Protein backbone atom coordinates (compact mmCIF):
# COMPACT_ATOMS: atom_id res chain seq x y z
CA MET A 1 -0.14 0.07 0.06
CA SER A 2 1.41 3.30 -0.81
CA ARG A 3 1.95 6.05 1.92
CA PRO A 4 -0.87 8.20 0.96
CA LEU A 5 -3.37 5.35 0.66
CA ALA A 6 -2.22 3.98 3.86
CA ALA A 7 -2.86 7.50 5.63
CA ILE A 8 -6.24 7.76 4.32
CA ALA A 9 -7.26 3.99 5.45
CA ALA A 10 -5.78 5.02 8.74
CA SER A 11 -8.00 8.00 9.09
CA ILE A 12 -11.34 6.30 8.25
CA PRO A 13 -11.74 4.80 11.70
CA LEU A 14 -11.19 8.46 13.11
CA LEU A 15 -13.92 9.71 10.83
CA LEU A 16 -16.42 7.53 12.18
CA LEU A 17 -15.93 8.53 15.90
CA ALA A 18 -16.49 12.12 15.01
CA PRO A 19 -18.25 14.19 17.46
CA GLY A 20 -21.20 14.92 14.86
CA THR A 21 -22.02 11.15 14.65
CA ALA A 22 -21.89 10.58 18.46
CA ARG A 23 -24.46 13.31 19.05
CA ALA A 24 -27.30 11.67 17.01
CA ALA A 25 -26.88 8.56 19.48
CA LYS A 26 -27.47 10.65 22.83
CA LYS A 27 -30.72 10.47 24.58
CA PRO A 28 -32.51 13.92 24.67
CA ALA A 29 -32.00 16.11 27.56
CA THR A 30 -34.52 16.12 29.94
CA SER A 31 -35.56 18.43 33.08
CA VAL A 32 -37.14 16.58 36.27
CA THR A 33 -39.31 18.82 38.52
CA GLY A 34 -41.43 17.77 41.38
CA VAL A 35 -41.30 15.17 44.04
CA VAL A 36 -42.06 11.34 44.15
CA ASN A 37 -43.83 9.99 47.52
CA LEU A 38 -41.48 7.11 48.29
CA ASN A 39 -44.46 5.36 50.12
CA GLU A 40 -47.26 6.05 47.61
CA ALA A 41 -45.64 6.41 44.04
CA THR A 42 -46.41 3.90 41.40
CA PRO A 43 -43.53 1.86 39.80
CA GLU A 44 -43.74 3.91 36.76
CA GLN A 45 -43.45 7.01 38.80
CA LEU A 46 -40.40 6.07 40.52
CA LYS A 47 -38.46 4.84 37.32
CA MET A 48 -38.88 8.57 36.10
CA LEU A 49 -36.35 9.43 38.97
CA PRO A 50 -32.99 10.42 37.25
CA GLY A 51 -30.79 7.29 37.01
CA MET A 52 -33.33 4.82 38.50
CA LYS A 53 -33.34 1.65 37.20
CA GLN A 54 -35.85 -1.37 37.62
CA ALA A 55 -33.85 -3.04 40.32
CA GLY A 56 -34.06 0.25 42.39
CA VAL A 57 -37.88 0.46 41.82
CA GLN A 58 -38.38 -2.97 43.20
CA GLU A 59 -35.97 -2.57 46.09
CA ILE A 60 -38.12 0.56 47.12
CA VAL A 61 -41.52 -0.94 46.64
CA ALA A 62 -40.34 -4.26 48.56
CA HIS A 63 -39.20 -2.10 51.29
CA ARG A 64 -42.58 -0.02 51.81
CA GLN A 65 -44.39 -3.08 51.80
CA LYS A 66 -42.62 -4.36 54.92
CA HIS A 67 -41.78 -1.09 56.31
CA PRO A 68 -43.09 2.28 55.04
CA PHE A 69 -40.56 5.05 54.81
CA THR A 70 -40.35 7.51 57.74
CA ARG A 71 -37.21 9.58 56.39
CA ILE A 72 -35.97 9.83 52.70
CA GLU A 73 -32.51 9.08 54.09
CA GLU A 74 -33.65 5.43 54.36
CA VAL A 75 -33.23 4.85 50.61
CA VAL A 76 -29.39 4.79 51.35
CA GLN A 77 -29.87 1.52 53.23
CA LEU A 78 -31.47 -0.39 50.39
CA LYS A 79 -29.56 -2.74 48.03
CA GLY A 80 -28.16 -0.76 45.05
CA PHE A 81 -28.48 2.93 46.44
CA SER A 82 -25.27 4.87 47.34
CA LYS A 83 -24.88 7.98 48.96
CA LYS A 84 -23.96 9.52 45.81
CA GLN A 85 -27.24 8.43 43.90
CA PHE A 86 -29.26 9.51 46.91
CA ASP A 87 -27.78 13.09 46.76
CA LYS A 88 -28.89 13.27 43.13
CA LEU A 89 -32.27 12.09 44.06
CA ARG A 90 -32.56 14.15 47.30
CA PRO A 91 -34.62 16.98 45.69
CA HIS A 92 -37.06 14.68 44.20
CA LEU A 93 -37.90 12.56 47.19
CA THR A 94 -40.63 12.77 50.04
CA VAL A 95 -42.57 10.34 52.32
CA SER A 96 -45.48 12.57 52.41
CA GLY A 97 -47.85 14.39 50.38
CA ALA A 98 -48.54 13.94 46.67
CA THR A 99 -46.19 12.69 43.82
CA THR A 100 -45.88 15.80 41.44
CA LEU A 101 -42.95 14.58 39.54
CA LYS A 102 -42.70 15.60 35.79
CA VAL A 103 -40.22 15.12 33.33
CA GLU A 104 -39.91 17.50 30.45
CA LYS A 105 -37.62 17.61 27.20
CA THR A 106 -35.46 20.54 27.25
CA ARG A 107 -33.95 22.31 24.33
CA SER A 108 -30.52 21.24 23.32
CA LYS A 109 -27.59 23.58 23.97
CA GLY A 110 -27.41 24.77 20.19
CA ARG A 111 -27.94 28.10 18.52
CA LYS A 112 -30.28 30.39 20.13
CA LYS A 113 -33.26 31.49 18.26
CA PRO A 114 -33.02 35.10 17.64
CA GLN A 115 -35.70 37.05 19.72
CA LYS A 116 -38.49 39.01 17.97
CA GLN A 117 -38.70 42.76 18.77
């Protein structure tokens, strides 16, 4: 293989990893507002929490069937919940009142639309 051809062949994998192609695979950005009542929320509502996986939902439901939550900090005692994950979820957790959690898509950080005057 000649040198220029070898250089082109070597650069093809780099082009496939270009930032423009990686953006298409990302999930749309979302914004979470409101709270989830750990004692009353449905599994679907619990799943809406940022980073919540099905195993975490099952742990919460199993725990509250045996012992209702009295403090949100009890989540850290469940299998699969770290202090770091709890800190992310803290603003969205409660043990009383209604579940008001809403997940909304946010605009991407692209160009801003010009404002009309």
